Amino acid sequence: MNKKTIDHNQSAAAKVAGIAIVIMGIAAVVANDLTIVKLFVPENASETTKNILESGMLFRAGVFSWLVILICDTLAAWGLYIFFKPVNKNLSLIMAWFRLIYVSILGASLANLINVITLINNTNYLTLLGTEYLQSQILFYTTAFFDTWSLGLIIFGIHILILGWLILKSGFNIKILGILLIIAFVGYTIINGSNLLFPQYEETMVFVGWAFFIPMISEVALGIWLLFIGIKRVKQIN
């Protein structure tokens, strides 16, 4: 497979996947680094609740960013499948399904953040539940979000492992991205597996951000490349 063999459907899929991945990369920085994670204090209900109450709009912006990511992930799954289908149809389909499974898990985890918004939106809950119980509920739901998300990231890791292999076999001159994605699979598995199996180690949360760096940079680079390829192919057709 090479640039000359890209048909119109692949070109359109490349643009959709490219745009979705780039937008998702921007939204991920907002959701992961600037909002939810910034407000969350592990095992500290009072501080987590205080941060969320004082920065309610920031928290909602984070939830909205996760919704954007969820939509973009769905579009990326379709676009990547169509684009890499000529390399290996069966593996491309499996790759897409793993990303969609991750999307489903992410959607389930977001329900926890919606529950937090429900609690902080209604001041009556403070009277009905009491301060300590309300704080414990907010901590419970935010922790459940991160734990469920960690499970999803292990699934996502399998997705990028297959994606990396498809890139290596595609014939395109972007093998370095394939290698980086395969390395990222190892990082996702170790970090998020440890987060689920050994939650008592607080430093795990610190290293989660580093686990995202390689795949995020690699995916954004892939997204820009796909967008470039899609646009270039349209220009050639015209």
Protein backbone atom coordinates (compact mmCIF):
# COMPACT_ATOMS: atom_id res chain seq x y z
CA MET A 1 0.00 0.00 0.00
CA ASN A 2 1.29 3.47 -0.87
CA LYS A 3 0.07 6.97 -1.55
CA LYS A 4 -0.83 6.11 -5.14
CA THR A 5 -3.25 3.38 -4.08
CA ILE A 6 -5.40 5.63 -1.85
CA ASP A 7 -8.91 5.76 -3.29
CA HIS A 8 -11.60 8.39 -2.71
CA ASN A 9 -13.17 6.54 0.25
CA GLN A 10 -9.81 6.25 1.97
CA SER A 11 -9.14 9.92 1.31
CA ALA A 12 -12.42 10.91 2.95
CA ALA A 13 -11.77 8.53 5.85
CA ALA A 14 -8.27 9.96 6.29
CA LYS A 15 -9.66 13.48 6.60
CA VAL A 16 -12.36 12.45 9.07
CA ALA A 17 -9.91 10.46 11.20
CA GLY A 18 -7.28 13.21 10.97
CA ILE A 19 -9.64 15.98 12.06
CA ALA A 20 -11.13 13.82 14.82
CA ILE A 21 -7.70 12.85 16.20
CA VAL A 22 -6.38 16.42 16.19
CA ILE A 23 -9.51 17.78 17.92
CA MET A 24 -9.35 14.89 20.37
CA GLY A 25 -5.73 15.71 21.18
CA ILE A 26 -6.66 19.29 22.06
CA ALA A 27 -9.71 18.19 24.07
CA ALA A 28 -7.60 15.61 25.93
CA VAL A 29 -5.25 18.32 27.21
CA VAL A 30 -8.23 20.30 28.49
CA ALA A 31 -9.99 17.29 29.99
CA ASN A 32 -7.00 15.53 31.47
CA ASP A 33 -4.51 18.24 32.42
CA LEU A 34 -6.44 21.48 32.89
CA THR A 35 -9.74 20.46 34.47
CA ILE A 36 -10.80 17.13 36.04
CA VAL A 37 -7.36 15.85 37.07
CA LYS A 38 -6.42 19.30 38.38
CA LEU A 39 -9.45 19.34 40.70
CA PHE A 40 -9.24 15.73 41.88
CA VAL A 41 -7.33 14.98 45.10
CA PRO A 42 -7.04 11.18 45.59
CA GLU A 43 -8.44 9.88 48.88
CA ASN A 44 -9.32 13.39 50.05
CA ALA A 45 -13.08 13.92 49.90
CA SER A 46 -13.16 17.40 51.45
CA GLU A 47 -10.45 18.85 49.17
CA THR A 48 -11.91 17.27 46.04
CA THR A 49 -15.38 18.58 46.87
CA LYS A 50 -14.00 22.03 47.72
CA ASN A 51 -12.10 22.23 44.44
CA ILE A 52 -15.11 21.15 42.38
CA LEU A 53 -17.51 23.52 44.15
CA GLU A 54 -15.14 26.46 43.78
CA SER A 55 -14.44 25.65 40.13
CA GLY A 56 -17.79 24.31 38.98
CA MET A 57 -17.50 25.79 35.47
CA LEU A 58 -14.02 24.32 35.09
CA PHE A 59 -15.34 20.91 36.10
CA ARG A 60 -18.21 21.16 33.60
CA ALA A 61 -15.77 22.21 30.89
CA GLY A 62 -13.81 19.05 31.65
CA VAL A 63 -16.91 16.88 31.33
CA PHE A 64 -17.79 18.58 28.04
CA SER A 65 -14.24 17.95 26.79
CA TRP A 66 -14.64 14.26 27.58
CA LEU A 67 -17.86 14.20 25.56
CA VAL A 68 -15.98 15.73 22.63
CA ILE A 69 -13.31 13.06 23.00
CA LEU A 70 -15.95 10.32 23.03
CA ILE A 71 -17.45 11.58 19.76
CA CYS A 72 -14.04 12.04 18.12
CA ASP A 73 -12.95 8.55 19.18
CA THR A 74 -16.01 7.09 17.47
CA LEU A 75 -15.27 8.97 14.24
CA ALA A 76 -11.59 8.02 14.43
CA ALA A 77 -12.48 4.33 14.80
CA TRP A 78 -14.46 4.47 11.54
CA GLY A 79 -11.89 6.54 9.67
CA LEU A 80 -8.92 4.39 10.70
CA TYR A 81 -10.77 1.21 9.76
CA ILE A 82 -11.58 2.45 6.25
CA PHE A 83 -8.09 3.84 5.71
CA PHE A 84 -6.15 0.78 6.87
CA LYS A 85 -8.59 -1.83 5.55
CA PRO A 86 -6.47 -2.47 2.41
CA VAL A 87 -3.51 -3.36 4.65
CA ASN A 88 -5.41 -6.07 6.52
CA LYS A 89 -9.19 -6.00 6.58
CA ASN A 90 -9.69 -8.33 9.54
CA LEU A 91 -7.11 -6.65 11.76
CA SER A 92 -8.43 -3.21 10.83
CA LEU A 93 -11.90 -4.31 11.89
CA ILE A 94 -10.60 -5.69 15.19
CA MET A 95 -8.67 -2.46 15.74
CA ALA A 96 -11.84 -0.41 15.21
CA TRP A 97 -13.86 -2.62 17.54
CA PHE A 98 -11.32 -2.28 20.35
CA ARG A 99 -11.54 1.50 20.03
CA LEU A 100 -15.34 1.34 20.09
CA ILE A 101 -15.23 -0.87 23.18
CA TYR A 102 -13.00 1.77 24.76
CA VAL A 103 -15.56 4.43 23.77
CA SER A 104 -18.30 2.42 25.49
CA ILE A 105 -16.23 2.13 28.68
CA LEU A 106 -15.40 5.84 28.55
CA GLY A 107 -19.11 6.62 28.19
CA ALA A 108 -19.88 4.49 31.24
CA SER A 109 -17.15 6.22 33.23
CA LEU A 110 -18.50 9.66 32.26
CA ALA A 111 -21.78 8.76 33.94
CA ASN A 112 -19.91 9.11 37.24
CA LEU A 113 -18.97 12.71 36.43
CA ILE A 114 -22.57 13.46 35.47
CA ASN A 115 -23.56 12.19 38.92
CA VAL A 116 -21.11 14.66 40.47
CA ILE A 117 -22.68 17.50 38.47
CA THR A 118 -26.11 16.39 39.69
CA LEU A 119 -24.91 16.53 43.31
CA ILE A 120 -23.29 19.97 43.06
CA ASN A 121 -26.16 21.48 41.05
CA ASN A 122 -28.75 20.90 43.79
CA THR A 123 -28.00 22.58 47.11
CA ASN A 124 -30.76 20.53 48.71
CA TYR A 125 -28.49 17.48 48.60
CA LEU A 126 -26.23 19.13 51.19
CA THR A 127 -29.16 19.36 53.61
CA LEU A 128 -30.53 15.92 52.81
CA LEU A 129 -27.25 14.01 52.77
CA GLY A 130 -25.07 16.00 55.15
CA THR A 131 -21.65 17.46 54.40
CA GLU A 132 -19.54 14.37 55.05
CA TYR A 133 -21.75 12.00 53.10
CA LEU A 134 -22.02 14.41 50.18
CA GLN A 135 -18.23 14.76 50.08
CA SER A 136 -17.79 10.99 50.21
CA GLN A 137 -20.21 10.58 47.31
CA ILE A 138 -18.38 13.13 45.19
CA LEU A 139 -15.05 11.44 45.92
CA PHE A 140 -16.60 8.04 45.18
CA TYR A 141 -17.90 9.10 41.77
CA THR A 142 -14.72 10.90 40.72
CA THR A 143 -12.60 7.93 41.81
CA ALA A 144 -14.95 5.56 39.97
CA PHE A 145 -14.47 7.66 36.83
CA PHE A 146 -10.68 7.30 36.95
CA ASP A 147 -10.81 3.58 37.82
CA THR A 148 -13.25 2.80 35.00
CA TRP A 149 -11.26 4.95 32.60
CA SER A 150 -8.09 3.04 33.54
CA LEU A 151 -9.81 -0.19 32.54
CA GLY A 152 -10.81 1.40 29.24
CA LEU A 153 -7.25 2.55 28.57
CA ILE A 154 -6.01 -1.03 28.74
CA ILE A 155 -8.49 -1.82 25.95
CA PHE A 156 -7.36 1.31 24.11
CA GLY A 157 -3.79 0.08 24.45
CA ILE A 158 -4.68 -3.03 22.48
CA HIS A 159 -6.20 -0.78 19.83
CA ILE A 160 -3.00 1.25 19.41
CA LEU A 161 -0.91 -1.94 19.38
CA ILE A 162 -2.85 -3.15 16.34
CA LEU A 163 -2.79 0.34 14.82
CA GLY A 164 0.98 0.46 15.24
CA TRP A 165 1.34 -2.91 13.50
CA LEU A 166 -0.88 -1.78 10.62
CA ILE A 167 1.21 1.35 10.19
CA LEU A 168 4.38 -0.74 10.01
CA LYS A 169 2.80 -2.99 7.36
CA SER A 170 1.16 -0.19 5.38
CA GLY A 171 4.15 0.80 3.29
CA PHE A 172 3.85 4.45 4.26
CA ASN A 173 6.98 6.24 5.40
CA ILE A 174 5.73 6.77 8.96
CA LYS A 175 7.13 3.64 10.59
CA ILE A 176 8.42 5.67 13.54
CA LEU A 177 4.80 6.40 14.52
CA GLY A 178 3.99 2.70 14.39
CA ILE A 179 6.93 1.91 16.64
CA LEU A 180 5.98 4.64 19.12
CA LEU A 181 2.40 3.38 19.28
CA ILE A 182 3.58 -0.15 20.01
CA ILE A 183 5.80 1.22 22.79
CA ALA A 184 2.80 3.19 24.07
CA PHE A 185 0.82 -0.05 24.33
CA VAL A 186 3.34 -1.30 26.89
CA GLY A 187 3.03 1.95 28.83
CA TYR A 188 -0.76 1.86 28.82
CA THR A 189 -0.84 -1.74 30.01
CA ILE A 190 1.70 -1.34 32.81
CA ILE A 191 0.47 2.01 34.16
CA ASN A 192 -3.26 1.38 34.00
CA GLY A 193 -2.94 -2.24 35.04
CA SER A 194 -0.97 -1.12 38.10
CA ASN A 195 -3.54 1.56 38.81
CA LEU A 196 -6.28 -1.08 38.97
CA LEU A 197 -4.33 -3.83 40.74
CA PHE A 198 -2.29 -1.71 43.15
CA PRO A 199 -4.34 1.43 43.97
CA GLN A 200 -2.52 1.81 47.29
CA TYR A 201 0.46 3.30 45.47
CA GLU A 202 -0.35 6.98 45.17
CA GLU A 203 2.54 7.64 42.81
CA THR A 204 0.66 5.72 40.13
CA MET A 205 -1.57 8.75 39.55
CA VAL A 206 1.53 10.91 38.99
CA PHE A 207 2.92 8.62 36.30
CA VAL A 208 -0.41 8.33 34.45
CA GLY A 209 0.26 11.65 32.75
CA TRP A 210 3.61 10.40 31.44
CA ALA A 211 1.92 7.26 30.10
CA PHE A 212 -0.22 9.46 27.83
CA PHE A 213 2.64 11.54 26.44
CA ILE A 214 4.03 9.12 23.83
CA PRO A 215 0.67 7.91 22.43
CA MET A 216 -0.81 11.41 22.47
CA ILE A 217 2.08 12.91 20.51
CA SER A 218 2.13 9.91 18.17
CA GLU A 219 -1.62 10.00 17.57
CA VAL A 220 -1.71 13.75 16.97
CA ALA A 221 1.17 13.37 14.51
CA LEU A 222 -0.74 10.54 12.82
CA GLY A 223 -3.87 12.71 12.72
CA ILE A 224 -2.00 15.58 11.04
CA TRP A 225 -0.48 13.15 8.54
CA LEU A 226 -3.87 11.60 7.75
CA LEU A 227 -5.38 15.05 7.26
CA PHE A 228 -2.52 16.02 4.93
CA ILE A 229 -2.86 12.77 2.95
CA GLY A 230 -6.64 13.17 2.66
CA ILE A 231 -6.42 16.77 1.42
CA LYS A 232 -3.54 16.00 -0.96
CA ARG A 233 -5.47 13.10 -2.51
CA VAL A 234 -8.52 15.31 -3.12
CA LYS A 235 -6.33 17.89 -4.83
CA GLN A 236 -4.87 15.16 -7.06
CA ILE A 237 -8.38 13.98 -8.00
CA ASN A 238 -9.51 17.52 -8.78
